[in-house]
Amino acid sequence: MDRVAHLVALFESTPDGDDDGDAKVQIILELEDHLSDPRALTLFASVIADPAEHDLARVECLKILRLQPPAAADDRRRIGRIIADTLQPTEDYLVRQYAAGALGPYAQESDVFDAMSSAVVGDDDVDVRHSALASVVEAGPDNRTIALLHQLTNDPELATAATRTLRTWL
């Protein structure tokens, strides 16, 4: 059994015990160097998508995939949609905050952009809104992000940051 197969099997066999998910987080961190292997990416996707999975393992996957989005377009679309789906109000608040902040590299996908836009404009959690705004900024200037930032210039919470970003971009 190669290293990736061993780590995936170890993750899947690790109970959600009393260690606050530390064992699972450590396995995720070891798999970070193997994201080019489809088995590692598949595990990350399943961890993010599973609301029953330990929240810190999900957050770690989100942080890694924000900084290292998949190179293949199909994988990028799939991961972006999975991340966007975690913005549902029924999800853990911390997972939602990290998911909102991880959308920037995936925002070219219309479903992802729509989820990011909804989060930044109207989420009930102000931290989700701020994280989504960071994703908008990370996505960079295009017609959609500029229009979204113009809309936010009237928002009492995000107007200053939106205006500042527009000044930088335009």
N, C-alpha and C. Protein backbone atom coordinates (compact mmCIF):
# COMPACT_ATOMS: atom_id res chain seq x y z
N MET A 1 0.85 -1.17 0.00
CA MET A 1 0.00 0.00 0.00
C MET A 1 0.90 1.24 0.00
N ASP A 2 0.64 2.15 -0.93
CA ASP A 2 1.45 3.37 -1.00
C ASP A 2 1.02 4.36 0.09
N ARG A 3 1.76 5.46 0.21
CA ARG A 3 1.55 6.42 1.29
C ARG A 3 0.16 7.05 1.25
N VAL A 4 -0.31 7.45 0.07
CA VAL A 4 -1.63 8.08 -0.02
C VAL A 4 -2.72 7.09 0.38
N ALA A 5 -2.65 5.88 -0.14
CA ALA A 5 -3.65 4.87 0.22
C ALA A 5 -3.64 4.61 1.72
N HIS A 6 -2.45 4.56 2.29
CA HIS A 6 -2.32 4.34 3.74
C HIS A 6 -2.98 5.49 4.51
N LEU A 7 -2.70 6.73 4.12
CA LEU A 7 -3.26 7.88 4.83
C LEU A 7 -4.78 7.96 4.68
N VAL A 8 -5.28 7.68 3.49
CA VAL A 8 -6.73 7.69 3.27
C VAL A 8 -7.39 6.62 4.14
N ALA A 9 -6.82 5.42 4.14
CA ALA A 9 -7.37 4.34 4.96
C ALA A 9 -7.31 4.69 6.45
N LEU A 10 -6.22 5.30 6.85
CA LEU A 10 -6.07 5.70 8.25
C LEU A 10 -7.12 6.74 8.63
N PHE A 11 -7.35 7.72 7.76
CA PHE A 11 -8.36 8.74 8.02
C PHE A 11 -9.73 8.08 8.17
N GLU A 12 -10.05 7.21 7.22
CA GLU A 12 -11.37 6.58 7.21
C GLU A 12 -11.59 5.66 8.41
N SER A 13 -10.52 5.13 8.97
CA SER A 13 -10.66 4.22 10.11
C SER A 13 -10.50 4.93 11.46
N THR A 14 -10.17 6.21 11.43
CA THR A 14 -9.98 6.95 12.68
C THR A 14 -11.34 7.39 13.23
N PRO A 15 -11.65 6.96 14.45
CA PRO A 15 -12.94 7.38 15.03
C PRO A 15 -12.93 8.86 15.37
N ASP A 16 -14.10 9.41 15.50
CA ASP A 16 -14.23 10.82 15.85
C ASP A 16 -14.01 11.06 17.34
N GLY A 17 -13.33 10.24 18.03
CA GLY A 17 -13.04 10.25 19.46
C GLY A 17 -12.99 11.58 20.17
N ASP A 18 -12.33 11.56 21.28
CA ASP A 18 -12.29 12.71 22.18
C ASP A 18 -11.09 13.61 21.97
N ASP A 19 -10.35 13.44 20.89
CA ASP A 19 -9.13 14.24 20.70
C ASP A 19 -9.39 15.52 19.92
N ASP A 20 -10.65 15.95 19.87
CA ASP A 20 -11.04 17.17 19.15
C ASP A 20 -10.67 17.12 17.68
N GLY A 21 -10.60 15.93 17.12
CA GLY A 21 -10.32 15.78 15.70
C GLY A 21 -8.86 15.93 15.33
N ASP A 22 -7.99 16.03 16.32
CA ASP A 22 -6.58 16.28 16.04
C ASP A 22 -5.96 15.20 15.17
N ALA A 23 -6.29 13.94 15.42
CA ALA A 23 -5.71 12.85 14.61
C ALA A 23 -6.11 13.01 13.15
N LYS A 24 -7.36 13.33 12.91
CA LYS A 24 -7.82 13.51 11.53
C LYS A 24 -7.18 14.73 10.88
N VAL A 25 -7.04 15.80 11.63
CA VAL A 25 -6.40 17.00 11.11
C VAL A 25 -4.95 16.70 10.73
N GLN A 26 -4.26 15.94 11.54
CA GLN A 26 -2.87 15.59 11.23
C GLN A 26 -2.77 14.77 9.95
N ILE A 27 -3.71 13.88 9.73
CA ILE A 27 -3.72 13.10 8.49
C ILE A 27 -3.97 14.01 7.30
N ILE A 28 -4.92 14.93 7.43
CA ILE A 28 -5.19 15.90 6.36
C ILE A 28 -3.93 16.69 6.04
N LEU A 29 -3.23 17.13 7.06
CA LEU A 29 -2.00 17.90 6.84
C LEU A 29 -0.94 17.07 6.11
N GLU A 30 -0.87 15.79 6.42
CA GLU A 30 0.08 14.92 5.70
C GLU A 30 -0.34 14.74 4.25
N LEU A 31 -1.63 14.71 4.00
CA LEU A 31 -2.11 14.53 2.62
C LEU A 31 -1.97 15.80 1.78
N GLU A 32 -1.75 16.93 2.42
CA GLU A 32 -1.62 18.19 1.69
C GLU A 32 -0.57 18.10 0.58
N ASP A 33 0.50 17.43 0.83
CA ASP A 33 1.57 17.31 -0.17
C ASP A 33 1.23 16.34 -1.29
N HIS A 34 0.07 15.72 -1.22
CA HIS A 34 -0.32 14.71 -2.22
C HIS A 34 -1.60 15.10 -2.96
N LEU A 35 -1.93 16.39 -2.98
CA LEU A 35 -3.19 16.81 -3.61
C LEU A 35 -3.25 16.53 -5.09
N SER A 36 -2.12 16.32 -5.73
CA SER A 36 -2.14 15.98 -7.15
C SER A 36 -2.65 14.55 -7.35
N ASP A 37 -2.70 13.78 -6.29
CA ASP A 37 -3.23 12.41 -6.35
C ASP A 37 -4.75 12.49 -6.20
N PRO A 38 -5.50 11.95 -7.16
CA PRO A 38 -6.96 12.04 -7.09
C PRO A 38 -7.56 11.46 -5.81
N ARG A 39 -6.91 10.50 -5.22
CA ARG A 39 -7.44 9.90 -3.98
C ARG A 39 -7.41 10.91 -2.83
N ALA A 40 -6.38 11.72 -2.76
CA ALA A 40 -6.31 12.75 -1.71
C ALA A 40 -7.38 13.81 -1.94
N LEU A 41 -7.52 14.25 -3.19
CA LEU A 41 -8.52 15.27 -3.50
C LEU A 41 -9.93 14.75 -3.24
N THR A 42 -10.17 13.49 -3.57
CA THR A 42 -11.47 12.89 -3.31
C THR A 42 -11.77 12.84 -1.82
N LEU A 43 -10.76 12.51 -1.03
CA LEU A 43 -10.97 12.51 0.42
C LEU A 43 -11.28 13.91 0.92
N PHE A 44 -10.51 14.91 0.48
CA PHE A 44 -10.76 16.29 0.90
C PHE A 44 -12.19 16.69 0.54
N ALA A 45 -12.62 16.36 -0.68
CA ALA A 45 -13.97 16.71 -1.12
C ALA A 45 -15.02 16.05 -0.23
N SER A 46 -14.82 14.78 0.09
CA SER A 46 -15.81 14.08 0.91
C SER A 46 -15.82 14.61 2.34
N VAL A 47 -14.67 15.00 2.86
CA VAL A 47 -14.61 15.57 4.21
C VAL A 47 -15.36 16.89 4.25
N ILE A 48 -15.12 17.75 3.28
CA ILE A 48 -15.81 19.05 3.25
C ILE A 48 -17.32 18.86 3.11
N ALA A 49 -17.73 17.92 2.28
CA ALA A 49 -19.15 17.73 1.98
C ALA A 49 -19.93 17.06 3.11
N ASP A 50 -19.25 16.45 4.05
CA ASP A 50 -19.91 15.65 5.08
C ASP A 50 -20.15 16.47 6.36
N PRO A 51 -21.39 16.91 6.59
CA PRO A 51 -21.66 17.70 7.79
C PRO A 51 -21.41 16.93 9.09
N ALA A 52 -21.38 15.61 9.01
CA ALA A 52 -21.13 14.80 10.21
C ALA A 52 -19.64 14.67 10.51
N GLU A 53 -18.81 15.06 9.56
CA GLU A 53 -17.35 14.97 9.76
C GLU A 53 -16.91 16.02 10.77
N HIS A 54 -15.80 15.77 11.41
CA HIS A 54 -15.30 16.69 12.43
C HIS A 54 -15.05 18.07 11.80
N ASP A 55 -15.55 19.13 12.45
CA ASP A 55 -15.47 20.47 11.87
C ASP A 55 -14.04 20.94 11.64
N LEU A 56 -13.10 20.60 12.51
CA LEU A 56 -11.72 21.06 12.31
C LEU A 56 -11.05 20.36 11.13
N ALA A 57 -11.42 19.12 10.87
CA ALA A 57 -10.91 18.44 9.67
C ALA A 57 -11.47 19.10 8.42
N ARG A 58 -12.74 19.47 8.46
CA ARG A 58 -13.35 20.16 7.32
C ARG A 58 -12.69 21.52 7.09
N VAL A 59 -12.47 22.25 8.18
CA VAL A 59 -11.83 23.57 8.08
C VAL A 59 -10.43 23.43 7.49
N GLU A 60 -9.68 22.44 7.92
CA GLU A 60 -8.32 22.26 7.41
C GLU A 60 -8.35 21.98 5.90
N CYS A 61 -9.28 21.16 5.45
CA CYS A 61 -9.42 20.90 4.01
C CYS A 61 -9.76 22.18 3.26
N LEU A 62 -10.64 22.98 3.82
CA LEU A 62 -11.01 24.26 3.19
C LEU A 62 -9.82 25.20 3.09
N LYS A 63 -9.04 25.29 4.15
CA LYS A 63 -7.87 26.17 4.13
C LYS A 63 -6.87 25.72 3.07
N ILE A 64 -6.64 24.44 2.99
CA ILE A 64 -5.68 23.91 2.03
C ILE A 64 -6.17 24.13 0.60
N LEU A 65 -7.44 23.84 0.33
CA LEU A 65 -7.96 23.97 -1.03
C LEU A 65 -8.17 25.42 -1.44
N ARG A 66 -8.24 26.33 -0.50
CA ARG A 66 -8.25 27.75 -0.84
C ARG A 66 -6.90 28.15 -1.40
N LEU A 67 -5.84 27.67 -0.77
CA LEU A 67 -4.48 28.04 -1.18
C LEU A 67 -3.94 27.17 -2.31
N GLN A 68 -4.51 25.99 -2.49
CA GLN A 68 -4.05 25.08 -3.53
C GLN A 68 -5.24 24.51 -4.29
N PRO A 69 -5.92 25.32 -5.07
CA PRO A 69 -7.05 24.79 -5.82
C PRO A 69 -6.57 23.78 -6.86
N PRO A 70 -7.40 22.81 -7.19
CA PRO A 70 -7.00 21.81 -8.18
C PRO A 70 -6.69 22.46 -9.53
N ALA A 71 -5.72 21.90 -10.22
CA ALA A 71 -5.32 22.44 -11.52
C ALA A 71 -6.33 22.08 -12.62
N ALA A 72 -6.88 20.89 -12.56
CA ALA A 72 -7.81 20.43 -13.59
C ALA A 72 -9.15 21.16 -13.45
N ALA A 73 -9.66 21.63 -14.58
CA ALA A 73 -10.90 22.43 -14.57
C ALA A 73 -12.08 21.66 -13.97
N ASP A 74 -12.23 20.39 -14.30
CA ASP A 74 -13.35 19.61 -13.76
C ASP A 74 -13.25 19.48 -12.25
N ASP A 75 -12.04 19.22 -11.76
CA ASP A 75 -11.84 19.12 -10.31
C ASP A 75 -12.10 20.45 -9.63
N ARG A 76 -11.66 21.51 -10.27
CA ARG A 76 -11.85 22.85 -9.71
C ARG A 76 -13.35 23.17 -9.61
N ARG A 77 -14.11 22.84 -10.65
CA ARG A 77 -15.56 23.07 -10.61
C ARG A 77 -16.21 22.24 -9.51
N ARG A 78 -15.83 20.98 -9.43
CA ARG A 78 -16.41 20.08 -8.43
C ARG A 78 -16.12 20.58 -7.01
N ILE A 79 -14.88 20.92 -6.75
CA ILE A 79 -14.50 21.39 -5.41
C ILE A 79 -15.19 22.72 -5.10
N GLY A 80 -15.24 23.62 -6.07
CA GLY A 80 -15.91 24.90 -5.86
C GLY A 80 -17.37 24.73 -5.48
N ARG A 81 -18.04 23.81 -6.15
CA ARG A 81 -19.46 23.58 -5.84
C ARG A 81 -19.63 22.96 -4.46
N ILE A 82 -18.74 22.05 -4.11
CA ILE A 82 -18.82 21.44 -2.78
C ILE A 82 -18.61 22.50 -1.70
N ILE A 83 -17.62 23.36 -1.91
CA ILE A 83 -17.38 24.43 -0.93
C ILE A 83 -18.59 25.36 -0.84
N ALA A 84 -19.14 25.73 -1.99
CA ALA A 84 -20.31 26.62 -1.99
C ALA A 84 -21.49 25.99 -1.26
N ASP A 85 -21.65 24.68 -1.39
CA ASP A 85 -22.76 23.99 -0.72
C ASP A 85 -22.65 24.03 0.80
N THR A 86 -21.45 24.25 1.32
CA THR A 86 -21.29 24.29 2.78
C THR A 86 -21.73 25.61 3.39
N LEU A 87 -22.20 26.53 2.57
CA LEU A 87 -22.68 27.81 3.09
C LEU A 87 -24.12 27.74 3.61
N GLN A 88 -24.73 26.58 3.56
CA GLN A 88 -26.10 26.42 4.04
C GLN A 88 -26.19 26.80 5.51
N PRO A 89 -27.25 27.47 5.91
CA PRO A 89 -27.39 27.92 7.30
C PRO A 89 -27.38 26.77 8.32
N THR A 90 -27.65 25.55 7.87
CA THR A 90 -27.67 24.42 8.80
C THR A 90 -26.26 23.92 9.12
N GLU A 91 -25.27 24.40 8.41
CA GLU A 91 -23.89 23.98 8.63
C GLU A 91 -23.29 24.64 9.87
N ASP A 92 -22.22 24.07 10.37
CA ASP A 92 -21.46 24.63 11.49
C ASP A 92 -20.98 26.03 11.12
N TYR A 93 -21.09 26.96 12.06
CA TYR A 93 -20.74 28.36 11.76
C TYR A 93 -19.27 28.52 11.37
N LEU A 94 -18.37 27.79 12.01
CA LEU A 94 -16.95 27.92 11.69
C LEU A 94 -16.66 27.38 10.29
N VAL A 95 -17.27 26.27 9.94
CA VAL A 95 -17.11 25.70 8.60
C VAL A 95 -17.64 26.68 7.57
N ARG A 96 -18.77 27.30 7.85
CA ARG A 96 -19.36 28.28 6.92
C ARG A 96 -18.43 29.47 6.73
N GLN A 97 -17.82 29.94 7.81
CA GLN A 97 -16.92 31.09 7.71
C GLN A 97 -15.70 30.75 6.84
N TYR A 98 -15.12 29.58 7.06
CA TYR A 98 -13.96 29.19 6.26
C TYR A 98 -14.36 28.88 4.82
N ALA A 99 -15.53 28.30 4.62
CA ALA A 99 -16.00 28.04 3.26
C ALA A 99 -16.18 29.34 2.50
N ALA A 100 -16.79 30.32 3.13
CA ALA A 100 -17.00 31.62 2.48
C ALA A 100 -15.66 32.25 2.08
N GLY A 101 -14.66 32.08 2.92
CA GLY A 101 -13.34 32.63 2.63
C GLY A 101 -12.54 31.83 1.63
N ALA A 102 -13.01 30.64 1.29
CA ALA A 102 -12.28 29.77 0.36
C ALA A 102 -12.82 29.83 -1.07
N LEU A 103 -13.84 30.63 -1.32
CA LEU A 103 -14.50 30.63 -2.63
C LEU A 103 -13.76 31.41 -3.72
N GLY A 104 -12.89 32.32 -3.36
CA GLY A 104 -12.23 33.17 -4.34
C GLY A 104 -11.63 32.45 -5.53
N PRO A 105 -10.82 31.42 -5.33
CA PRO A 105 -10.20 30.74 -6.46
C PRO A 105 -11.18 29.98 -7.35
N TYR A 106 -12.41 29.83 -6.90
CA TYR A 106 -13.41 29.05 -7.62
C TYR A 106 -14.53 29.91 -8.20
N ALA A 107 -14.42 31.22 -8.06
CA ALA A 107 -15.52 32.14 -8.37
C ALA A 107 -15.84 32.26 -9.85
N GLN A 108 -15.00 31.74 -10.72
CA GLN A 108 -15.33 31.78 -12.15
C GLN A 108 -16.52 30.88 -12.48
N GLU A 109 -16.76 29.90 -11.65
CA GLU A 109 -17.91 29.01 -11.80
C GLU A 109 -19.17 29.77 -11.34
N SER A 110 -20.19 29.82 -12.20
CA SER A 110 -21.36 30.66 -11.89
C SER A 110 -22.07 30.25 -10.60
N ASP A 111 -22.18 28.95 -10.32
CA ASP A 111 -22.83 28.51 -9.08
C ASP A 111 -22.05 28.99 -7.86
N VAL A 112 -20.74 28.95 -7.97
CA VAL A 112 -19.89 29.39 -6.86
C VAL A 112 -20.03 30.90 -6.69
N PHE A 113 -19.99 31.63 -7.79
CA PHE A 113 -20.14 33.08 -7.69
C PHE A 113 -21.48 33.45 -7.06
N ASP A 114 -22.54 32.75 -7.48
CA ASP A 114 -23.86 33.04 -6.92
C ASP A 114 -23.90 32.79 -5.41
N ALA A 115 -23.29 31.70 -4.97
CA ALA A 115 -23.26 31.40 -3.53
C ALA A 115 -22.44 32.45 -2.78
N MET A 116 -21.31 32.84 -3.36
CA MET A 116 -20.46 33.86 -2.76
C MET A 116 -21.20 35.19 -2.68
N SER A 117 -21.89 35.53 -3.74
CA SER A 117 -22.65 36.77 -3.80
C SER A 117 -23.77 36.78 -2.75
N SER A 118 -24.50 35.69 -2.65
CA SER A 118 -25.56 35.60 -1.64
C SER A 118 -25.01 35.74 -0.23
N ALA A 119 -23.87 35.10 0.00
CA ALA A 119 -23.27 35.15 1.34
C ALA A 119 -22.82 36.56 1.69
N VAL A 120 -22.16 37.23 0.76
CA VAL A 120 -21.63 38.55 1.07
C VAL A 120 -22.74 39.59 1.23
N VAL A 121 -23.82 39.42 0.51
CA VAL A 121 -24.92 40.40 0.56
C VAL A 121 -25.87 40.15 1.72
N GLY A 122 -26.17 38.88 2.01
CA GLY A 122 -27.27 38.68 2.94
C GLY A 122 -27.14 37.62 3.99
N ASP A 123 -25.96 37.08 4.22
CA ASP A 123 -25.86 36.05 5.25
C ASP A 123 -26.13 36.65 6.63
N ASP A 124 -26.73 35.87 7.50
CA ASP A 124 -27.03 36.33 8.86
C ASP A 124 -25.79 36.44 9.73
N ASP A 125 -24.74 35.71 9.38
CA ASP A 125 -23.50 35.73 10.16
C ASP A 125 -22.56 36.76 9.54
N VAL A 126 -22.26 37.81 10.28
CA VAL A 126 -21.41 38.88 9.76
C VAL A 126 -20.02 38.37 9.42
N ASP A 127 -19.54 37.36 10.13
CA ASP A 127 -18.22 36.81 9.81
C ASP A 127 -18.23 36.06 8.49
N VAL A 128 -19.32 35.40 8.17
CA VAL A 128 -19.46 34.76 6.86
C VAL A 128 -19.44 35.83 5.78
N ARG A 129 -20.12 36.94 6.02
CA ARG A 129 -20.16 38.04 5.05
C ARG A 129 -18.76 38.61 4.82
N HIS A 130 -18.01 38.82 5.88
CA HIS A 130 -16.65 39.34 5.74
C HIS A 130 -15.75 38.34 5.00
N SER A 131 -15.89 37.07 5.31
CA SER A 131 -15.10 36.05 4.62
C SER A 131 -15.47 35.99 3.14
N ALA A 132 -16.75 36.09 2.85
CA ALA A 132 -17.18 36.09 1.45
C ALA A 132 -16.65 37.32 0.72
N LEU A 133 -16.61 38.46 1.40
CA LEU A 133 -16.03 39.66 0.79
C LEU A 133 -14.56 39.45 0.47
N ALA A 134 -13.84 38.80 1.36
CA ALA A 134 -12.43 38.48 1.08
C ALA A 134 -12.32 37.60 -0.16
N SER A 135 -13.26 36.69 -0.35
CA SER A 135 -13.26 35.85 -1.55
C SER A 135 -13.56 36.66 -2.81
N VAL A 136 -14.46 37.63 -2.69
CA VAL A 136 -14.75 38.51 -3.83
C VAL A 136 -13.47 39.25 -4.23
N VAL A 137 -12.77 39.78 -3.26
CA VAL A 137 -11.53 40.51 -3.53
C VAL A 137 -10.50 39.57 -4.14
N GLU A 138 -10.40 38.37 -3.59
CA GLU A 138 -9.44 37.40 -4.12
C GLU A 138 -9.79 36.98 -5.55
N ALA A 139 -11.08 36.92 -5.86
CA ALA A 139 -11.50 36.55 -7.22
C ALA A 139 -11.02 37.57 -8.24
N GLY A 140 -10.87 38.81 -7.80
CA GLY A 140 -10.33 39.85 -8.68
C GLY A 140 -11.40 40.58 -9.46
N PRO A 141 -10.97 41.66 -10.11
CA PRO A 141 -11.93 42.50 -10.81
C PRO A 141 -12.43 41.87 -12.12
N ASP A 142 -13.71 41.80 -12.24
CA ASP A 142 -14.39 41.50 -13.50
C ASP A 142 -15.76 42.17 -13.39
N ASN A 143 -16.55 42.08 -14.41
CA ASN A 143 -17.85 42.77 -14.40
C ASN A 143 -18.72 42.36 -13.21
N ARG A 144 -18.72 41.07 -12.89
CA ARG A 144 -19.58 40.58 -11.80
C ARG A 144 -19.09 41.07 -10.43
N THR A 145 -17.80 40.95 -10.17
CA THR A 145 -17.29 41.35 -8.85
C THR A 145 -17.38 42.87 -8.66
N ILE A 146 -17.14 43.61 -9.73
CA ILE A 146 -17.25 45.07 -9.64
C ILE A 146 -18.70 45.48 -9.35
N ALA A 147 -19.65 44.86 -10.05
CA ALA A 147 -21.07 45.16 -9.79
C ALA A 147 -21.45 44.79 -8.36
N LEU A 148 -20.96 43.67 -7.88
CA LEU A 148 -21.25 43.25 -6.52
C LEU A 148 -20.67 44.23 -5.50
N LEU A 149 -19.46 44.68 -5.73
CA LEU A 149 -18.86 45.65 -4.82
C LEU A 149 -19.60 46.99 -4.85
N HIS A 150 -20.06 47.40 -6.04
CA HIS A 150 -20.87 48.63 -6.11
C HIS A 150 -22.13 48.48 -5.27
N GLN A 151 -22.75 47.32 -5.33
CA GLN A 151 -23.94 47.06 -4.52
C GLN A 151 -23.61 47.18 -3.03
N LEU A 152 -22.44 46.72 -2.64
CA LEU A 152 -22.05 46.73 -1.23
C LEU A 152 -21.65 48.11 -0.71
N THR A 153 -21.46 49.08 -1.60
CA THR A 153 -21.09 50.42 -1.13
C THR A 153 -22.20 51.07 -0.30
N ASN A 154 -23.39 50.51 -0.35
CA ASN A 154 -24.51 51.00 0.47
C ASN A 154 -24.76 50.14 1.70
N ASP A 155 -23.94 49.14 1.89
CA ASP A 155 -24.11 48.21 3.01
C ASP A 155 -23.45 48.79 4.27
N PRO A 156 -24.18 48.91 5.37
CA PRO A 156 -23.60 49.53 6.56
C PRO A 156 -22.37 48.78 7.11
N GLU A 157 -22.31 47.50 6.93
CA GLU A 157 -21.21 46.70 7.48
C GLU A 157 -20.00 46.64 6.55
N LEU A 158 -20.23 46.59 5.24
CA LEU A 158 -19.14 46.31 4.30
C LEU A 158 -18.82 47.45 3.35
N ALA A 159 -19.51 48.57 3.48
CA ALA A 159 -19.33 49.68 2.54
C ALA A 159 -17.90 50.18 2.46
N THR A 160 -17.25 50.35 3.58
CA THR A 160 -15.89 50.89 3.58
C THR A 160 -14.94 49.97 2.83
N ALA A 161 -15.00 48.69 3.12
CA ALA A 161 -14.11 47.74 2.45
C ALA A 161 -14.43 47.64 0.96
N ALA A 162 -15.71 47.65 0.62
CA ALA A 162 -16.10 47.57 -0.79
C ALA A 162 -15.62 48.80 -1.55
N THR A 163 -15.79 49.97 -0.96
CA THR A 163 -15.35 51.22 -1.61
C THR A 163 -13.84 51.24 -1.78
N ARG A 164 -13.13 50.83 -0.75
CA ARG A 164 -11.67 50.79 -0.81
C ARG A 164 -11.19 49.83 -1.92
N THR A 165 -11.83 48.69 -2.03
CA THR A 165 -11.45 47.73 -3.06
C THR A 165 -11.74 48.28 -4.45
N LEU A 166 -12.89 48.92 -4.61
CA LEU A 166 -13.22 49.52 -5.91
C LEU A 166 -12.20 50.58 -6.29
N ARG A 167 -11.79 51.39 -5.34
CA ARG A 167 -10.77 52.42 -5.64
C ARG A 167 -9.46 51.77 -6.09
N THR A 168 -9.11 50.68 -5.48
CA THR A 168 -7.88 49.97 -5.85
C THR A 168 -8.00 49.37 -7.25
N TRP A 169 -9.15 48.81 -7.54
CA TRP A 169 -9.35 48.12 -8.81
C TRP A 169 -9.54 49.07 -9.98
N LEU A 170 -10.22 50.19 -9.74
CA LEU A 170 -10.62 51.05 -10.86
C LEU A 170 -9.72 52.21 -11.03
